[in-house]
């Protein structure tokens, strides 16, 4: 999968998503999204509830397909019609809830073994050998949480922060081409959330991973990544590159939102300080 710096790693073309079509509950979650994400991009996506952020990630991850005519292309390969299981070959993901991305009744090393096989044929069994254990220890050690010495610990006994840090390693250990962070600190207390954010940034930089991080918080969207996208009512309304992003304040971002959306920002939770 050869992708040059000038060639987009992820291409979304005319991506629409309609839920409950033909019923009184019908809602259009995405309207014709066109988006290019480039190698080594760390994109933060900001938007209020209902903006379409998680729906966009679900389509990239293959949870469900876009409407007819929409395309999802990763590394030059059309993956639009592939199952979520096959998408896992290309995409690693960390969810909001730590228990979603990890299996509490399995040990740390069993979780990591399953993560290594993500996207491979289902007939393969996870094998635990000395080489894999060394790989797991070397992946966990930089977290600074001591998990490398607890490979036989049941994941269900870990704290939320430890479990989310493990989920980060699980999402990246098979070297996917794209990492999705879906409001992955939303359920953590501020101190733990900051630790997990720092670990996320460390792993992204160390592995040079192309990353999309969805957040509900403008401060975090400005602080992390080299590109900022703002969504509103199923559309991308702001897309800011690194040079412009560095000089922005939260007030600037609010102004950009209101100019692009043609309405006032009413979701004040987006303005709250992360600290």
Protein backbone atom coordinates (compact mmCIF):
# COMPACT_ATOMS: atom_id res chain seq x y z
CA UNK A 1 0.00 0.00 0.00
CA UNK A 2 2.14 2.86 -1.30
CA UNK A 3 0.87 6.31 -0.49
CA UNK A 4 3.07 9.35 -1.03
CA UNK A 5 2.89 12.46 1.12
CA UNK A 6 1.01 14.23 -1.67
CA UNK A 7 -1.49 11.42 -2.17
CA UNK A 8 -4.36 11.10 0.27
CA UNK A 9 -4.39 8.04 2.50
CA UNK A 10 -8.14 8.25 3.10
CA UNK A 11 -10.61 9.47 0.52
CA UNK A 12 -14.30 9.95 1.25
CA UNK A 13 -16.41 10.70 -1.79
CA UNK A 14 -20.09 11.74 -1.71
CA UNK A 15 -20.59 10.02 1.64
CA UNK A 16 -24.19 10.27 2.82
CA UNK A 17 -25.93 8.39 5.62
CA UNK A 18 -29.66 8.22 6.29
CA UNK A 19 -31.12 6.43 9.28
CA UNK A 20 -34.68 5.05 9.57
CA UNK A 21 -35.31 5.79 5.89
CA UNK A 22 -38.96 5.93 4.96
CA UNK A 23 -40.21 6.30 8.52
CA UNK A 24 -41.32 9.29 10.59
CA UNK A 25 -37.99 9.00 12.38
CA UNK A 26 -35.93 9.39 9.20
CA UNK A 27 -32.83 11.52 9.73
CA UNK A 28 -29.94 12.36 7.45
CA UNK A 29 -26.75 12.14 9.52
CA UNK A 30 -24.27 12.97 6.73
CA UNK A 31 -24.77 15.04 3.59
CA UNK A 32 -22.38 14.26 0.72
CA UNK A 33 -19.08 14.39 2.63
CA UNK A 34 -15.92 14.74 0.51
CA UNK A 35 -12.71 14.50 2.50
CA UNK A 36 -9.03 13.71 1.97
CA UNK A 37 -6.76 12.72 4.86
CA UNK A 38 -3.03 12.60 4.08
CA UNK A 39 -0.21 10.42 5.48
CA UNK A 40 0.91 11.56 8.96
CA UNK A 41 -2.10 13.86 9.32
CA UNK A 42 -3.39 14.16 12.90
CA UNK A 43 -6.87 15.57 12.34
CA UNK A 44 -9.12 16.70 15.16
CA UNK A 45 -12.84 16.79 14.42
CA UNK A 46 -15.01 19.05 16.57
CA UNK A 47 -18.77 19.41 16.64
CA UNK A 48 -21.76 19.33 18.97
CA UNK A 49 -23.96 16.30 19.53
CA UNK A 50 -25.68 15.30 16.30
CA UNK A 51 -23.05 16.93 14.07
CA UNK A 52 -22.24 13.56 12.45
CA UNK A 53 -18.78 12.99 13.94
CA UNK A 54 -19.26 9.44 15.18
CA UNK A 55 -21.33 8.50 12.13
CA UNK A 56 -18.40 9.58 9.97
CA UNK A 57 -16.00 7.38 11.99
CA UNK A 58 -18.44 4.46 11.82
CA UNK A 59 -18.47 4.65 8.04
CA UNK A 60 -14.66 4.84 7.87
CA UNK A 61 -14.48 1.82 10.19
CA UNK A 62 -17.03 -0.15 8.18
CA UNK A 63 -19.68 -0.34 10.91
CA UNK A 64 -22.16 0.50 8.19
CA UNK A 65 -21.82 1.56 4.54
CA UNK A 66 -22.61 4.98 3.10
CA UNK A 67 -25.66 5.45 0.91
CA UNK A 68 -25.44 4.23 -2.67
CA UNK A 69 -22.79 6.11 -4.63
CA UNK A 70 -20.64 7.00 -1.64
CA UNK A 71 -17.04 5.77 -1.60
CA UNK A 72 -14.50 5.01 1.14
CA UNK A 73 -10.97 4.55 -0.21
CA UNK A 74 -8.02 3.73 2.06
CA UNK A 75 -4.50 3.59 0.65
CA UNK A 76 -5.87 3.55 -2.87
CA UNK A 77 -8.14 0.56 -2.18
CA UNK A 78 -11.93 0.84 -2.35
CA UNK A 79 -13.15 -0.58 0.98
CA UNK A 80 -16.71 0.78 0.77
CA UNK A 81 -18.41 -2.61 0.66
CA UNK A 82 -16.05 -4.50 2.95
CA UNK A 83 -17.30 -5.70 6.33
CA UNK A 84 -16.27 -4.04 9.60
CA UNK A 85 -14.09 -7.10 10.21
CA UNK A 86 -12.19 -6.49 6.94
CA UNK A 87 -11.91 -2.76 7.64
CA UNK A 88 -9.97 -3.69 10.79
CA UNK A 89 -7.05 -4.61 8.52
CA UNK A 90 -6.71 -0.90 7.72
CA UNK A 91 -8.22 0.84 10.73
CA UNK A 92 -7.53 0.79 14.49
CA UNK A 93 -10.09 2.40 16.76
CA UNK A 94 -10.44 3.50 20.39
CA UNK A 95 -14.02 4.06 21.57
CA UNK A 96 -15.48 6.35 24.25
CA UNK A 97 -16.03 3.51 26.70
CA UNK A 98 -12.90 1.55 27.77
CA UNK A 99 -14.89 -1.69 28.06
CA UNK A 100 -15.95 -1.55 24.38
CA UNK A 101 -12.44 -1.95 22.98
CA UNK A 102 -11.18 -4.44 25.57
CA UNK A 103 -12.36 -7.81 26.89
CA UNK A 104 -12.62 -7.65 30.68
CA UNK A 105 -12.68 -11.43 31.21
CA UNK A 106 -9.41 -11.95 29.33
CA UNK A 107 -5.90 -11.11 30.47
CA UNK A 108 -3.83 -8.23 29.12
CA UNK A 109 -1.76 -10.58 26.96
CA UNK A 110 -4.88 -12.36 25.65
CA UNK A 111 -6.38 -9.00 24.65
CA UNK A 112 -3.17 -8.00 22.86
CA UNK A 113 -2.98 -11.38 21.11
CA UNK A 114 -6.48 -10.87 19.73
CA UNK A 115 -5.56 -7.34 18.65
CA UNK A 116 -2.56 -8.69 16.71
CA UNK A 117 -4.90 -10.87 14.65
CA UNK A 118 -7.44 -8.13 13.97
CA UNK A 119 -8.59 -8.25 10.37
CA UNK A 120 -6.96 -11.64 9.69
CA UNK A 121 -8.82 -14.87 8.84
CA UNK A 122 -11.11 -15.97 11.67
CA UNK A 123 -9.65 -19.49 11.65
CA UNK A 124 -6.37 -18.22 13.07
CA UNK A 125 -5.97 -18.70 16.80
CA UNK A 126 -4.11 -16.20 18.94
CA UNK A 127 -0.82 -17.73 20.02
CA UNK A 128 1.04 -16.72 23.15
CA UNK A 129 4.76 -17.25 22.79
CA UNK A 130 7.94 -15.67 24.07
CA UNK A 131 8.30 -13.46 20.98
CA UNK A 132 4.78 -12.09 21.36
CA UNK A 133 5.22 -11.49 25.07
CA UNK A 134 8.36 -9.47 24.37
CA UNK A 135 6.43 -7.48 21.77
CA UNK A 136 3.64 -6.82 24.28
CA UNK A 137 6.08 -5.74 26.99
CA UNK A 138 7.91 -3.36 24.64
CA UNK A 139 4.58 -1.85 23.50
CA UNK A 140 3.28 -1.39 27.06
CA UNK A 141 6.47 -0.19 28.77
CA UNK A 142 6.45 3.36 27.27
CA UNK A 143 3.03 3.95 28.85
CA UNK A 144 4.72 4.13 32.23
CA UNK A 145 1.82 2.32 33.93
CA UNK A 146 3.59 -0.94 34.79
CA UNK A 147 1.24 -2.99 32.60
CA UNK A 148 4.19 -4.75 30.98
CA UNK A 149 4.72 -6.60 34.27
CA UNK A 150 1.06 -7.57 34.57
CA UNK A 151 0.43 -9.51 31.35
CA UNK A 152 -1.60 -12.17 33.20
CA UNK A 153 -3.86 -9.62 34.92
CA UNK A 154 -7.55 -9.72 33.99
CA UNK A 155 -8.40 -6.54 32.11
CA UNK A 156 -11.64 -6.18 34.05
CA UNK A 157 -9.61 -5.40 37.17
CA UNK A 158 -7.84 -2.39 35.59
CA UNK A 159 -8.90 1.22 36.15
CA UNK A 160 -10.68 3.09 33.36
CA UNK A 161 -7.49 4.98 32.46
CA UNK A 162 -5.35 1.84 32.41
CA UNK A 163 -7.93 0.09 30.28
CA UNK A 164 -8.12 2.97 27.81
CA UNK A 165 -4.30 3.07 27.61
CA UNK A 166 -4.38 -0.66 26.84
CA UNK A 167 -7.05 -0.01 24.20
CA UNK A 168 -4.66 2.48 22.56
CA UNK A 169 -1.93 -0.16 22.36
CA UNK A 170 -4.41 -2.72 21.07
CA UNK A 171 -5.61 -0.34 18.35
CA UNK A 172 -2.06 0.29 17.11
CA UNK A 173 -0.10 -2.92 17.74
CA UNK A 174 -1.00 -4.44 14.35
CA UNK A 175 0.20 -1.23 12.61
CA UNK A 176 -3.04 -0.16 10.91
CA UNK A 177 -2.71 2.63 8.38
CA UNK A 178 -5.33 4.77 10.13
CA UNK A 179 -6.14 5.36 13.82
CA UNK A 180 -9.58 6.57 14.93
CA UNK A 181 -9.97 8.10 18.40
CA UNK A 182 -13.70 8.48 19.04
CA UNK A 183 -14.05 10.87 22.02
CA UNK A 184 -11.82 8.36 23.79
CA UNK A 185 -11.42 10.41 26.98
CA UNK A 186 -15.07 11.41 27.36
CA UNK A 187 -15.79 9.06 30.28
CA UNK A 188 -12.52 9.66 32.17
CA UNK A 189 -11.89 12.11 35.00
CA UNK A 190 -9.80 15.18 33.98
CA UNK A 191 -6.49 13.93 35.42
CA UNK A 192 -6.82 10.47 33.85
CA UNK A 193 -8.06 11.98 30.60
CA UNK A 194 -4.92 14.12 30.35
CA UNK A 195 -2.71 11.07 30.92
CA UNK A 196 -4.52 9.17 28.16
CA UNK A 197 -4.29 12.19 25.81
CA UNK A 198 -0.54 12.45 26.42
CA UNK A 199 -0.16 8.71 25.76
CA UNK A 200 -2.24 9.04 22.59
CA UNK A 201 -0.04 11.86 21.31
CA UNK A 202 3.11 9.89 22.19
CA UNK A 203 1.96 6.78 20.32
CA UNK A 204 0.79 8.78 17.29
CA UNK A 205 4.14 10.59 17.05
CA UNK A 206 6.25 7.48 17.73
CA UNK A 207 4.41 5.28 15.24
CA UNK A 208 3.86 8.15 12.76
CA UNK A 209 0.22 7.14 12.58
CA UNK A 210 -2.31 8.95 10.45
CA UNK A 211 -4.98 9.79 13.02
CA UNK A 212 -8.49 11.20 13.27
CA UNK A 213 -9.51 12.28 16.77
CA UNK A 214 -13.12 13.23 17.43
CA UNK A 215 -13.64 15.54 20.38
CA UNK A 216 -16.46 17.61 21.84
CA UNK A 217 -14.03 20.20 23.19
CA UNK A 218 -12.66 23.18 21.24
CA UNK A 219 -9.61 23.57 23.47
CA UNK A 220 -8.50 19.98 22.75
CA UNK A 221 -9.24 20.36 19.05
CA UNK A 222 -6.89 23.35 18.94
CA UNK A 223 -4.20 21.82 21.16
CA UNK A 224 -3.75 18.52 19.33
CA UNK A 225 -3.04 17.62 15.73
CA UNK A 226 -2.01 19.49 12.61
CA UNK A 227 -5.46 20.01 11.13
CA UNK A 228 -8.90 20.89 12.51
CA UNK A 229 -12.25 20.03 11.00
CA UNK A 230 -15.55 21.31 12.33
CA UNK A 231 -18.81 19.51 11.56
CA UNK A 232 -22.36 20.80 11.92
CA UNK A 233 -25.63 19.05 11.04
CA UNK A 234 -23.96 16.38 8.94
CA UNK A 235 -21.63 18.64 6.98
CA UNK A 236 -18.00 19.74 7.18
CA UNK A 237 -18.22 23.52 7.57
CA UNK A 238 -14.63 24.40 8.60
CA UNK A 239 -11.32 22.75 7.61
CA UNK A 240 -8.21 24.48 8.97
CA UNK A 241 -4.60 23.50 8.21
CA UNK A 242 -1.64 23.62 10.57
CA UNK A 243 -0.39 27.15 9.84
CA UNK A 244 -3.77 28.78 10.40
CA UNK A 245 -4.60 26.48 13.31
CA UNK A 246 -1.53 27.49 15.32
CA UNK A 247 -2.67 31.09 15.54
CA UNK A 248 -6.31 30.36 16.42
CA UNK A 249 -8.00 31.01 19.73
CA UNK A 250 -11.27 29.52 20.92
CA UNK A 251 -12.97 32.86 20.16
CA UNK A 252 -11.60 32.66 16.59
CA UNK A 253 -13.01 29.16 16.26
CA UNK A 254 -16.42 30.25 17.53
CA UNK A 255 -16.43 33.09 14.99
CA UNK A 256 -15.42 30.68 12.19
CA UNK A 257 -18.22 28.33 13.21
CA UNK A 258 -20.87 31.03 13.32
CA UNK A 259 -19.82 32.48 9.97
CA UNK A 260 -19.81 29.06 8.29
CA UNK A 261 -22.98 27.76 9.98
CA UNK A 262 -24.91 31.01 9.69
CA UNK A 263 -26.11 30.65 13.27
CA UNK A 264 -24.88 31.14 16.80
CA UNK A 265 -23.03 28.44 18.71
CA UNK A 266 -25.45 27.18 21.35
CA UNK A 267 -23.54 24.15 22.69
CA UNK A 268 -21.60 25.80 25.50
CA UNK A 269 -20.02 22.49 26.55
CA UNK A 270 -17.72 22.84 23.53
CA UNK A 271 -16.21 25.92 25.16
CA UNK A 272 -15.42 24.37 28.54
CA UNK A 273 -11.79 24.15 29.59
CA UNK A 274 -10.49 20.59 29.58
CA UNK A 275 -8.56 21.14 32.83
